[in-house]
Amino acid sequence: MKIVRGVKNLESPPPYPVVAIGNFDGVHIGHQMIFRQAAALAREHNGTSMAFTFEPHPLKIIAPSRMPPLLTTFRKKMELIESCGIDRVICADFDRQFADQCPREFASDVLVGRIGAREVVVGFDYAFGRGREGTVPYLRKMGDQFGFKVNVVEPIRHEGQLVSSSYVRELIEDGEVKSAAGFLGRNYSIEGPVVHGYKTGGAIGFPTANIGTSKMQVPGTGVYAVRVRHREAKHGGVANIGFNPTFNRDRLSVEVHIFDFAEKIYGEDIEVEFIDRIRSEMEFACAEELVGQIEKDIERARVLLADTQR
């Protein structure tokens, strides 16, 4: 999959471009439906399936105070989009000038002038242009005028609930990672560099990798069964998210004890995939009580990980 950073770096239009448009944070099952429809339509015409998305998240420019933690890093988002069959991603530089475009300007100058779109695929609630003035009916009107077809993916529901990035974020904030997986079509994961922590885990016999997750949506506090991707290998593990009340910490941390793993990986990136929540965060009277609970957590995590591999 080819990634083009910035609209100005677009080359001449490819054969029969079919363009999926949106921010796509999380790449949940609704987004995946949009991508797969774009890919299928492009194949029908021996064309090119494309995704048009933005960097950074539009709210970071329009309303920074409302900017939510991200569900996917840029790298992860690209990986997931590619898995849906998209040939090319256009990642627009979302700045104030881009945000201030009127909907007609975006349709005529970008979709038609730069991309040469023949078909567009959007979600039912898509809106574009300055102040989100461009509604789906307006996009259809622009399509009639400029010669591209608009395909709208209807609302997707899972277990009776409308699928949306905001709802997925709520589930993850509540620690409901197993439920969130149904809306994402995969287990939720976070990724980041391994950073130095308090070394508490190593001191009590359970060394941990602490992850820097500055802009990612972190699951609610508690203990989780996880899988950890380091380089190309996957390992089982147990993660603690919280403030370590037993040791009076005041900073939220994400610590992962990786099973049967002894490498020093400070500074390296890892991805932590959340399988299920084991328990809430607890305070213990002493380190010995904590050790006993960690042993139980590890036993429970191994069972959950084995069950999900069957």
C-alpha atoms as a PDB file:
ATOM      1  CA  MET A   1       0.000   0.000   0.000  1.00  0.00           C
ATOM      2  CA  LYS A   2       1.345   3.414  -0.947  1.00  0.00           C
ATOM      3  CA  ILE A   3       1.059   6.289   1.547  1.00  0.00           C
ATOM      4  CA  VAL A   4       1.030   9.888   0.287  1.00  0.00           C
ATOM      5  CA  ARG A   5       1.676  12.518   2.951  1.00  0.00           C
ATOM      6  CA  GLY A   6       0.032  15.801   1.975  1.00  0.00           C
ATOM      7  CA  VAL A   7      -2.409  16.595  -0.835  1.00  0.00           C
ATOM      8  CA  LYS A   8       0.271  18.630  -2.645  1.00  0.00           C
ATOM      9  CA  ASN A   9       2.349  15.477  -3.089  1.00  0.00           C
ATOM     10  CA  LEU A  10      -0.304  13.693  -5.133  1.00  0.00           C
ATOM     11  CA  GLU A  11       0.801  12.536  -8.537  1.00  0.00           C
ATOM     12  CA  SER A  12      -1.479  12.359 -11.571  1.00  0.00           C
ATOM     13  CA  PRO A  13      -4.786  10.593 -10.857  1.00  0.00           C
ATOM     14  CA  PRO A  14      -4.583   6.774 -10.912  1.00  0.00           C
ATOM     15  CA  PRO A  15      -7.013   4.567 -12.866  1.00  0.00           C
ATOM     16  CA  TYR A  16     -10.653   4.882 -11.708  1.00  0.00           C
ATOM     17  CA  PRO A  17     -10.057   6.151  -8.154  1.00  0.00           C
ATOM     18  CA  VAL A  18     -12.590   5.010  -5.537  1.00  0.00           C
ATOM     19  CA  VAL A  19     -12.041   7.069  -2.393  1.00  0.00           C
ATOM     20  CA  ALA A  20     -13.055   6.240   1.193  1.00  0.00           C
ATOM     21  CA  ILE A  21     -13.074   9.457   3.226  1.00  0.00           C
ATOM     22  CA  GLY A  22     -12.913   9.902   6.989  1.00  0.00           C
ATOM     23  CA  ASN A  23     -10.724  10.219  10.048  1.00  0.00           C
ATOM     24  CA  PHE A  24     -10.999   6.490  10.859  1.00  0.00           C
ATOM     25  CA  ASP A  25      -9.547   6.540  14.389  1.00  0.00           C
ATOM     26  CA  GLY A  26      -9.738   2.999  15.708  1.00  0.00           C
ATOM     27  CA  VAL A  27     -10.529   1.460  12.287  1.00  0.00           C
ATOM     28  CA  HIS A  28     -13.561  -0.271  13.822  1.00  0.00           C
ATOM     29  CA  ILE A  29     -15.873  -2.666  11.969  1.00  0.00           C
ATOM     30  CA  GLY A  30     -17.857   0.244  10.484  1.00  0.00           C
ATOM     31  CA  HIS A  31     -14.699   1.781   9.021  1.00  0.00           C
ATOM     32  CA  GLN A  32     -13.653  -1.630   7.740  1.00  0.00           C
ATOM     33  CA  MET A  33     -16.970  -1.900   5.878  1.00  0.00           C
ATOM     34  CA  ILE A  34     -16.244   1.433   4.159  1.00  0.00           C
ATOM     35  CA  PHE A  35     -12.748   0.321   3.117  1.00  0.00           C
ATOM     36  CA  ARG A  36     -13.895  -3.059   1.841  1.00  0.00           C
ATOM     37  CA  GLN A  37     -16.669  -1.479  -0.205  1.00  0.00           C
ATOM     38  CA  ALA A  38     -14.195   0.962  -1.745  1.00  0.00           C
ATOM     39  CA  ALA A  39     -11.820  -1.903  -2.554  1.00  0.00           C
ATOM     40  CA  ALA A  40     -14.614  -3.982  -4.115  1.00  0.00           C
ATOM     41  CA  LEU A  41     -15.855  -1.081  -6.265  1.00  0.00           C
ATOM     42  CA  ALA A  42     -12.318  -0.375  -7.468  1.00  0.00           C
ATOM     43  CA  ARG A  43     -11.794  -4.024  -8.424  1.00  0.00           C
ATOM     44  CA  GLU A  44     -15.001  -3.997 -10.484  1.00  0.00           C
ATOM     45  CA  HIS A  45     -13.498  -1.262 -12.675  1.00  0.00           C
ATOM     46  CA  ASN A  46      -9.837  -2.361 -12.557  1.00  0.00           C
ATOM     47  CA  GLY A  47      -9.337   0.828 -10.593  1.00  0.00           C
ATOM     48  CA  THR A  48      -7.525   2.067  -7.509  1.00  0.00           C
ATOM     49  CA  SER A  49      -8.955   1.922  -4.004  1.00  0.00           C
ATOM     50  CA  MET A  50      -7.938   4.890  -1.896  1.00  0.00           C
ATOM     51  CA  ALA A  51      -8.444   6.146   1.647  1.00  0.00           C
ATOM     52  CA  PHE A  52      -8.405   9.876   2.335  1.00  0.00           C
ATOM     53  CA  THR A  53      -7.661  10.649   5.967  1.00  0.00           C
ATOM     54  CA  PHE A  54      -6.065  13.326   8.120  1.00  0.00           C
ATOM     55  CA  GLU A  55      -3.019  13.973  10.285  1.00  0.00           C
ATOM     56  CA  PRO A  56      -3.253  15.194  12.965  1.00  0.00           C
ATOM     57  CA  HIS A  57      -6.765  14.432  14.222  1.00  0.00           C
ATOM     58  CA  PRO A  58      -8.984  17.380  13.117  1.00  0.00           C
ATOM     59  CA  LEU A  59     -10.008  18.201  16.701  1.00  0.00           C
ATOM     60  CA  LYS A  60      -6.391  18.965  17.562  1.00  0.00           C
ATOM     61  CA  ILE A  61      -6.678  21.990  15.245  1.00  0.00           C
ATOM     62  CA  ILE A  62     -10.368  22.870  15.535  1.00  0.00           C
ATOM     63  CA  ALA A  63     -10.970  22.290  19.258  1.00  0.00           C
ATOM     64  CA  PRO A  64      -7.837  21.122  21.122  1.00  0.00           C
ATOM     65  CA  SER A  65      -9.657  20.977  24.462  1.00  0.00           C
ATOM     66  CA  ARG A  66     -11.994  18.307  23.040  1.00  0.00           C
ATOM     67  CA  MET A  67      -9.229  16.233  21.480  1.00  0.00           C
ATOM     68  CA  PRO A  68      -9.670  12.636  22.711  1.00  0.00           C
ATOM     69  CA  PRO A  69      -6.846  10.146  23.261  1.00  0.00           C
ATOM     70  CA  LEU A  70      -6.248   8.198  20.057  1.00  0.00           C
ATOM     71  CA  LEU A  71      -7.393   4.615  19.578  1.00  0.00           C
ATOM     72  CA  THR A  72      -4.697   3.956  16.982  1.00  0.00           C
ATOM     73  CA  THR A  73      -1.265   5.323  16.252  1.00  0.00           C
ATOM     74  CA  PHE A  74      -0.605   6.427  12.680  1.00  0.00           C
ATOM     75  CA  ARG A  75       1.406   3.262  12.030  1.00  0.00           C
ATOM     76  CA  LYS A  76      -1.339   1.006  13.367  1.00  0.00           C
ATOM     77  CA  LYS A  77      -4.028   2.832  11.409  1.00  0.00           C
ATOM     78  CA  MET A  78      -2.094   2.356   8.178  1.00  0.00           C
ATOM     79  CA  GLU A  79      -1.565  -1.345   8.945  1.00  0.00           C
ATOM     80  CA  LEU A  80      -5.285  -1.871   9.544  1.00  0.00           C
ATOM     81  CA  ILE A  81      -6.349   0.081   6.443  1.00  0.00           C
ATOM     82  CA  GLU A  82      -4.003  -1.967   4.287  1.00  0.00           C
ATOM     83  CA  SER A  83      -5.484  -5.190   5.688  1.00  0.00           C
ATOM     84  CA  CYS A  84      -8.877  -4.124   4.250  1.00  0.00           C
ATOM     85  CA  GLY A  85      -7.543  -4.112   0.687  1.00  0.00           C
ATOM     86  CA  ILE A  86      -6.863  -0.399   0.140  1.00  0.00           C
ATOM     87  CA  ASP A  87      -4.203   0.361  -2.491  1.00  0.00           C
ATOM     88  CA  ARG A  88      -3.294   3.911  -1.536  1.00  0.00           C
ATOM     89  CA  VAL A  89      -3.727   6.279   1.425  1.00  0.00           C
ATOM     90  CA  ILE A  90      -3.741  10.040   1.094  1.00  0.00           C
ATOM     91  CA  CYS A  91      -2.941  11.556   4.468  1.00  0.00           C
ATOM     92  CA  ALA A  92      -3.874  15.239   4.323  1.00  0.00           C
ATOM     93  CA  ASP A  93      -2.004  17.726   6.499  1.00  0.00           C
ATOM     94  CA  PHE A  94      -4.886  18.990   8.589  1.00  0.00           C
ATOM     95  CA  ASP A  95      -4.131  22.615   9.447  1.00  0.00           C
ATOM     96  CA  ARG A  96      -6.253  25.726   9.846  1.00  0.00           C
ATOM     97  CA  GLN A  97      -6.185  26.446   6.106  1.00  0.00           C
ATOM     98  CA  PHE A  98      -7.433  22.950   5.316  1.00  0.00           C
ATOM     99  CA  ALA A  99     -10.111  23.212   8.026  1.00  0.00           C
ATOM    100  CA  ASP A 100     -11.386  26.500   6.573  1.00  0.00           C
ATOM    101  CA  GLN A 101     -12.097  25.073   3.112  1.00  0.00           C
ATOM    102  CA  CYS A 102     -15.716  25.320   2.095  1.00  0.00           C
ATOM    103  CA  PRO A 103     -17.274  21.965   1.128  1.00  0.00           C
ATOM    104  CA  ARG A 104     -17.528  22.906  -2.546  1.00  0.00           C
ATOM    105  CA  GLU A 105     -13.819  23.795  -2.657  1.00  0.00           C
ATOM    106  CA  PHE A 106     -12.875  20.433  -1.139  1.00  0.00           C
ATOM    107  CA  ALA A 107     -15.067  18.563  -3.638  1.00  0.00           C
ATOM    108  CA  SER A 108     -13.888  20.467  -6.705  1.00  0.00           C
ATOM    109  CA  ASP A 109     -10.220  21.090  -5.892  1.00  0.00           C
ATOM    110  CA  VAL A 110      -9.282  17.994  -3.894  1.00  0.00           C
ATOM    111  CA  LEU A 111     -11.655  15.153  -4.762  1.00  0.00           C
ATOM    112  CA  VAL A 112     -11.913  16.002  -8.445  1.00  0.00           C
ATOM    113  CA  GLY A 113      -8.969  18.290  -9.221  1.00  0.00           C
ATOM    114  CA  ARG A 114      -6.252  16.444  -7.313  1.00  0.00           C
ATOM    115  CA  ILE A 115      -7.529  12.878  -6.994  1.00  0.00           C
ATOM    116  CA  GLY A 116      -9.825  12.547 -10.003  1.00  0.00           C
ATOM    117  CA  ALA A 117     -12.333  10.606  -7.904  1.00  0.00           C
ATOM    118  CA  ARG A 118     -14.824   8.535  -9.866  1.00  0.00           C
ATOM    119  CA  GLU A 119     -16.578   7.166  -6.782  1.00  0.00           C
ATOM    120  CA  VAL A 120     -16.580   8.122  -3.108  1.00  0.00           C
ATOM    121  CA  VAL A 121     -17.490   5.930  -0.127  1.00  0.00           C
ATOM    122  CA  VAL A 122     -18.463   7.517   3.206  1.00  0.00           C
ATOM    123  CA  GLY A 123     -20.272   6.641   6.400  1.00  0.00           C
ATOM    124  CA  PHE A 124     -23.899   7.673   6.941  1.00  0.00           C
ATOM    125  CA  ASP A 125     -22.888  10.489   9.324  1.00  0.00           C
ATOM    126  CA  TYR A 126     -20.010  11.887   7.277  1.00  0.00           C
ATOM    127  CA  ALA A 127     -19.614  15.674   7.174  1.00  0.00           C
ATOM    128  CA  PHE A 128     -16.838  17.697   5.577  1.00  0.00           C
ATOM    129  CA  GLY A 129     -15.528  21.177   4.948  1.00  0.00           C
ATOM    130  CA  ARG A 130     -15.600  24.292   7.089  1.00  0.00           C
ATOM    131  CA  GLY A 131     -17.678  23.788  10.232  1.00  0.00           C
ATOM    132  CA  ARG A 132     -18.764  20.363   8.898  1.00  0.00           C
ATOM    133  CA  GLU A 133     -21.118  22.210   6.565  1.00  0.00           C
ATOM    134  CA  GLY A 134     -20.871  19.526   3.888  1.00  0.00           C
ATOM    135  CA  THR A 135     -23.492  16.893   4.657  1.00  0.00           C
ATOM    136  CA  VAL A 136     -24.028  13.624   2.794  1.00  0.00           C
ATOM    137  CA  PRO A 137     -26.867  15.144   0.698  1.00  0.00           C
ATOM    138  CA  TYR A 138     -24.549  18.041  -0.188  1.00  0.00           C
ATOM    139  CA  LEU A 139     -21.816  15.576  -1.173  1.00  0.00           C
ATOM    140  CA  ARG A 140     -24.306  13.825  -3.478  1.00  0.00           C
ATOM    141  CA  LYS A 141     -25.112  17.201  -5.019  1.00  0.00           C
ATOM    142  CA  MET A 142     -21.396  17.817  -5.615  1.00  0.00           C
ATOM    143  CA  GLY A 143     -21.092  14.358  -7.099  1.00  0.00           C
ATOM    144  CA  ASP A 144     -23.874  15.097  -9.586  1.00  0.00           C
ATOM    145  CA  GLN A 145     -22.211  18.368 -10.520  1.00  0.00           C
ATOM    146  CA  PHE A 146     -18.602  17.176 -10.799  1.00  0.00           C
ATOM    147  CA  GLY A 147     -19.160  13.654 -12.049  1.00  0.00           C
ATOM    148  CA  PHE A 148     -18.430  11.258  -9.188  1.00  0.00           C
ATOM    149  CA  LYS A 149     -20.752   8.718  -7.590  1.00  0.00           C
ATOM    150  CA  VAL A 150     -21.390   8.797  -3.837  1.00  0.00           C
ATOM    151  CA  ASN A 151     -21.810   5.507  -1.944  1.00  0.00           C
ATOM    152  CA  VAL A 152     -23.037   5.708   1.636  1.00  0.00           C
ATOM    153  CA  VAL A 153     -22.468   2.893   4.136  1.00  0.00           C
ATOM    154  CA  GLU A 154     -25.482   2.630   6.410  1.00  0.00           C
ATOM    155  CA  PRO A 155     -25.178   2.459  10.218  1.00  0.00           C
ATOM    156  CA  ILE A 156     -23.477  -0.672  11.524  1.00  0.00           C
ATOM    157  CA  ARG A 157     -24.668  -2.154  14.810  1.00  0.00           C
ATOM    158  CA  HIS A 158     -23.073  -4.752  17.050  1.00  0.00           C
ATOM    159  CA  GLU A 159     -25.167  -6.383  19.752  1.00  0.00           C
ATOM    160  CA  GLY A 160     -27.796  -3.689  19.166  1.00  0.00           C
ATOM    161  CA  GLN A 161     -25.364  -0.793  19.697  1.00  0.00           C
ATOM    162  CA  LEU A 162     -24.342   1.675  16.987  1.00  0.00           C
ATOM    163  CA  VAL A 163     -20.661   1.214  16.189  1.00  0.00           C
ATOM    164  CA  SER A 164     -18.636   4.387  16.673  1.00  0.00           C
ATOM    165  CA  SER A 165     -15.153   5.415  17.773  1.00  0.00           C
ATOM    166  CA  SER A 166     -16.612   7.323  20.717  1.00  0.00           C
ATOM    167  CA  TYR A 167     -18.486   4.259  22.006  1.00  0.00           C
ATOM    168  CA  VAL A 168     -15.395   2.081  21.626  1.00  0.00           C
ATOM    169  CA  ARG A 169     -13.459   4.679  23.600  1.00  0.00           C
ATOM    170  CA  GLU A 170     -16.052   4.559  26.390  1.00  0.00           C
ATOM    171  CA  LEU A 171     -15.777   0.780  26.628  1.00  0.00           C
ATOM    172  CA  ILE A 172     -11.999   0.938  26.833  1.00  0.00           C
ATOM    173  CA  GLU A 173     -12.092   3.688  29.469  1.00  0.00           C
ATOM    174  CA  ASP A 174     -14.333   1.377  31.531  1.00  0.00           C
ATOM    175  CA  GLY A 175     -11.927  -1.531  31.115  1.00  0.00           C
ATOM    176  CA  GLU A 176     -14.397  -3.447  28.936  1.00  0.00           C
ATOM    177  CA  VAL A 177     -11.716  -4.533  26.488  1.00  0.00           C
ATOM    178  CA  LYS A 178     -13.395  -7.846  25.653  1.00  0.00           C
ATOM    179  CA  SER A 179     -16.591  -6.035  24.637  1.00  0.00           C
ATOM    180  CA  ALA A 180     -14.597  -3.444  22.691  1.00  0.00           C
ATOM    181  CA  ALA A 181     -13.034  -6.237  20.634  1.00  0.00           C
ATOM    182  CA  GLY A 182     -16.438  -7.028  19.117  1.00  0.00           C
ATOM    183  CA  PHE A 183     -16.751  -3.455  17.824  1.00  0.00           C
ATOM    184  CA  LEU A 184     -13.165  -3.315  16.590  1.00  0.00           C
ATOM    185  CA  GLY A 185     -13.085  -6.733  14.951  1.00  0.00           C
ATOM    186  CA  ARG A 186      -9.861  -7.416  16.869  1.00  0.00           C
ATOM    187  CA  ASN A 187      -8.449  -7.048  20.366  1.00  0.00           C
ATOM    188  CA  TYR A 188      -7.667  -3.486  21.398  1.00  0.00           C
ATOM    189  CA  SER A 189      -3.971  -2.700  21.622  1.00  0.00           C
ATOM    190  CA  ILE A 190      -1.676   0.143  22.549  1.00  0.00           C
ATOM    191  CA  GLU A 191       1.900   0.616  21.481  1.00  0.00           C
ATOM    192  CA  GLY A 192       4.814   2.684  22.619  1.00  0.00           C
ATOM    193  CA  PRO A 193       8.420   2.627  23.803  1.00  0.00           C
ATOM    194  CA  VAL A 194       9.548   0.763  26.892  1.00  0.00           C
ATOM    195  CA  VAL A 195      10.543   3.387  29.455  1.00  0.00           C
ATOM    196  CA  HIS A 196      12.170   3.303  32.874  1.00  0.00           C
ATOM    197  CA  GLY A 197       9.755   2.975  35.786  1.00  0.00           C
ATOM    198  CA  TYR A 198      10.056   2.549  39.545  1.00  0.00           C
ATOM    199  CA  LYS A 199      11.595  -0.959  39.217  1.00  0.00           C
ATOM    200  CA  THR A 200       9.050  -2.200  41.781  1.00  0.00           C
ATOM    201  CA  GLY A 201       8.104  -5.299  39.777  1.00  0.00           C
ATOM    202  CA  GLY A 202      11.692  -6.492  39.496  1.00  0.00           C
ATOM    203  CA  ALA A 203      12.239  -5.942  43.206  1.00  0.00           C
ATOM    204  CA  ILE A 204       9.422  -8.370  44.104  1.00  0.00           C
ATOM    205  CA  GLY A 205      10.317 -10.967  41.478  1.00  0.00           C
ATOM    206  CA  PHE A 206       8.071  -9.920  38.579  1.00  0.00           C
ATOM    207  CA  PRO A 207      10.005  -7.600  36.242  1.00  0.00           C
ATOM    208  CA  THR A 208       7.815  -5.413  34.073  1.00  0.00           C
ATOM    209  CA  ALA A 209       8.094  -3.384  30.907  1.00  0.00           C
ATOM    210  CA  ASN A 210       6.696   0.105  31.431  1.00  0.00           C
ATOM    211  CA  ILE A 211       5.170   1.627  28.309  1.00  0.00           C
ATOM    212  CA  GLY A 212       5.083   5.279  27.300  1.00  0.00           C
ATOM    213  CA  THR A 213       1.562   5.922  26.017  1.00  0.00           C
ATOM    214  CA  SER A 214       1.307   9.709  25.998  1.00  0.00           C
ATOM    215  CA  LYS A 215      -1.426  10.117  23.357  1.00  0.00           C
ATOM    216  CA  MET A 216      -3.089   6.707  23.361  1.00  0.00           C
ATOM    217  CA  GLN A 217      -6.406   5.735  24.951  1.00  0.00           C
ATOM    218  CA  VAL A 218      -5.361   3.603  27.921  1.00  0.00           C
ATOM    219  CA  PRO A 219      -7.849   1.068  29.335  1.00  0.00           C
ATOM    220  CA  GLY A 220      -9.319   1.718  32.768  1.00  0.00           C
ATOM    221  CA  THR A 221      -7.262   0.855  35.822  1.00  0.00           C
ATOM    222  CA  GLY A 222      -6.962  -2.813  36.606  1.00  0.00           C
ATOM    223  CA  VAL A 223      -5.146  -6.014  35.716  1.00  0.00           C
ATOM    224  CA  TYR A 224      -5.445  -7.571  32.263  1.00  0.00           C
ATOM    225  CA  ALA A 225      -4.445 -10.699  30.383  1.00  0.00           C
ATOM    226  CA  VAL A 226      -2.420  -9.489  27.399  1.00  0.00           C
ATOM    227  CA  ARG A 227      -0.322 -10.517  24.443  1.00  0.00           C
ATOM    228  CA  VAL A 228       2.804  -8.518  23.758  1.00  0.00           C
ATOM    229  CA  ARG A 229       4.330  -8.064  20.322  1.00  0.00           C
ATOM    230  CA  HIS A 230       8.070  -7.385  20.457  1.00  0.00           C
ATOM    231  CA  ARG A 231       9.708  -7.194  17.061  1.00  0.00           C
ATOM    232  CA  GLU A 232       8.039 -10.057  15.182  1.00  0.00           C
ATOM    233  CA  ALA A 233       7.367 -12.333  18.170  1.00  0.00           C
ATOM    234  CA  LYS A 234       4.281 -12.502  20.401  1.00  0.00           C
ATOM    235  CA  HIS A 235       4.398 -13.344  24.102  1.00  0.00           C
ATOM    236  CA  GLY A 236       1.760 -13.850  26.760  1.00  0.00           C
ATOM    237  CA  GLY A 237       1.679 -11.558  29.747  1.00  0.00           C
ATOM    238  CA  VAL A 238      -0.248  -9.756  32.439  1.00  0.00           C
ATOM    239  CA  ALA A 239      -0.574  -5.960  32.529  1.00  0.00           C
ATOM    240  CA  ASN A 240      -1.299  -3.638  35.400  1.00  0.00           C
ATOM    241  CA  ILE A 241      -2.729  -0.200  34.684  1.00  0.00           C
ATOM    242  CA  GLY A 242      -2.962   2.104  37.641  1.00  0.00           C
ATOM    243  CA  PHE A 243      -1.280   4.093  40.372  1.00  0.00           C
ATOM    244  CA  ASN A 244       0.253   1.251  42.425  1.00  0.00           C
ATOM    245  CA  PRO A 245      -1.562   2.184  45.662  1.00  0.00           C
ATOM    246  CA  THR A 246       0.407  -0.373  47.670  1.00  0.00           C
ATOM    247  CA  PHE A 247       3.545   1.716  47.029  1.00  0.00           C
ATOM    248  CA  ASN A 248       1.835   5.139  47.138  1.00  0.00           C
ATOM    249  CA  ARG A 249       2.501   6.094  43.518  1.00  0.00           C
ATOM    250  CA  ASP A 250       0.716   9.123  42.087  1.00  0.00           C
ATOM    251  CA  ARG A 251       1.375   8.643  38.379  1.00  0.00           C
ATOM    252  CA  LEU A 252      -0.646   6.389  36.106  1.00  0.00           C
ATOM    253  CA  SER A 253       1.512   3.660  34.633  1.00  0.00           C
ATOM    254  CA  VAL A 254       1.116   0.774  32.215  1.00  0.00           C
ATOM    255  CA  GLU A 255       3.323  -2.110  33.370  1.00  0.00           C
ATOM    256  CA  VAL A 256       3.509  -5.471  31.626  1.00  0.00           C
ATOM    257  CA  HIS A 257       5.016  -8.634  33.021  1.00  0.00           C
ATOM    258  CA  ILE A 258       5.918 -10.713  29.957  1.00  0.00           C
ATOM    259  CA  PHE A 259       5.902 -14.448  30.547  1.00  0.00           C
ATOM    260  CA  ASP A 260       9.201 -16.335  30.104  1.00  0.00           C
ATOM    261  CA  PHE A 261      11.008 -13.226  28.862  1.00  0.00           C
ATOM    262  CA  ALA A 262      14.259 -11.784  30.199  1.00  0.00           C
ATOM    263  CA  GLU A 263      15.517  -9.385  27.507  1.00  0.00           C
ATOM    264  CA  LYS A 264      16.399  -5.756  28.262  1.00  0.00           C
ATOM    265  CA  ILE A 265      14.274  -3.757  25.832  1.00  0.00           C
ATOM    266  CA  TYR A 266      14.383  -0.179  27.114  1.00  0.00           C
ATOM    267  CA  GLY A 267      13.723   2.272  24.284  1.00  0.00           C
ATOM    268  CA  GLU A 268      12.239  -0.367  22.003  1.00  0.00           C
ATOM    269  CA  ASP A 269       8.616  -0.248  20.879  1.00  0.00           C
ATOM    270  CA  ILE A 270       6.199  -2.960  21.917  1.00  0.00           C
ATOM    271  CA  GLU A 271       2.493  -3.485  21.241  1.00  0.00           C
ATOM    272  CA  VAL A 272       0.243  -4.688  24.063  1.00  0.00           C
ATOM    273  CA  GLU A 273      -2.949  -6.449  23.002  1.00  0.00           C
ATOM    274  CA  PHE A 274      -5.635  -6.597  25.699  1.00  0.00           C
ATOM    275  CA  ILE A 275      -7.478  -9.922  25.853  1.00  0.00           C
ATOM    276  CA  ASP A 276      -9.617  -9.584  28.994  1.00  0.00           C
ATOM    277  CA  ARG A 277      -9.752  -7.783  32.328  1.00  0.00           C
ATOM    278  CA  ILE A 278      -8.883  -9.937  35.329  1.00  0.00           C
ATOM    279  CA  ARG A 279      -9.655  -7.629  38.248  1.00  0.00           C
ATOM    280  CA  SER A 280      -9.728  -4.044  39.472  1.00  0.00           C
ATOM    281  CA  GLU A 281      -6.731  -2.306  41.022  1.00  0.00           C
ATOM    282  CA  MET A 282      -6.274  -3.172  44.697  1.00  0.00           C
ATOM    283  CA  GLU A 283      -4.224  -1.933  47.631  1.00  0.00           C
ATOM    284  CA  PHE A 284      -2.386  -4.534  49.700  1.00  0.00           C
ATOM    285  CA  ALA A 285      -1.168  -4.346  53.285  1.00  0.00           C
ATOM    286  CA  CYS A 286       2.321  -5.531  52.359  1.00  0.00           C
ATOM    287  CA  ALA A 287       4.479  -6.669  49.443  1.00  0.00           C
ATOM    288  CA  GLU A 288       3.928 -10.349  50.362  1.00  0.00           C
ATOM    289  CA  GLU A 289       0.170 -10.019  49.850  1.00  0.00           C
ATOM    290  CA  LEU A 290       0.789  -8.331  46.502  1.00  0.00           C
ATOM    291  CA  VAL A 291       3.118 -11.141  45.405  1.00  0.00           C
ATOM    292  CA  GLY A 292       0.470 -13.723  46.265  1.00  0.00           C
ATOM    293  CA  GLN A 293      -2.145 -11.867  44.202  1.00  0.00           C
ATOM    294  CA  ILE A 294       0.216 -11.440  41.241  1.00  0.00           C
ATOM    295  CA  GLU A 295       0.779 -15.193  41.208  1.00  0.00           C
ATOM    296  CA  LYS A 296      -2.999 -15.692  41.014  1.00  0.00           C
ATOM    297  CA  ASP A 297      -3.266 -13.043  38.275  1.00  0.00           C
ATOM    298  CA  ILE A 298      -0.596 -14.804  36.212  1.00  0.00           C
ATOM    299  CA  GLU A 299      -2.363 -18.148  36.601  1.00  0.00           C
ATOM    300  CA  ARG A 300      -5.667 -16.587  35.524  1.00  0.00           C
ATOM    301  CA  ALA A 301      -4.031 -14.781  32.584  1.00  0.00           C
ATOM    302  CA  ARG A 302      -2.478 -18.001  31.303  1.00  0.00           C
ATOM    303  CA  VAL A 303      -5.920 -19.674  31.345  1.00  0.00           C
ATOM    304  CA  LEU A 304      -7.557 -16.763  29.475  1.00  0.00           C
ATOM    305  CA  LEU A 305      -4.781 -16.682  26.883  1.00  0.00           C
ATOM    306  CA  ALA A 306      -5.009 -20.432  26.345  1.00  0.00           C
ATOM    307  CA  ASP A 307      -8.795 -20.218  25.941  1.00  0.00           C
ATOM    308  CA  THR A 308      -8.537 -17.537  23.237  1.00  0.00           C
ATOM    309  CA  GLN A 309      -6.123 -19.653  21.212  1.00  0.00           C
ATOM    310  CA  ARG A 310      -8.509 -22.604  20.921  1.00  0.00           C
END
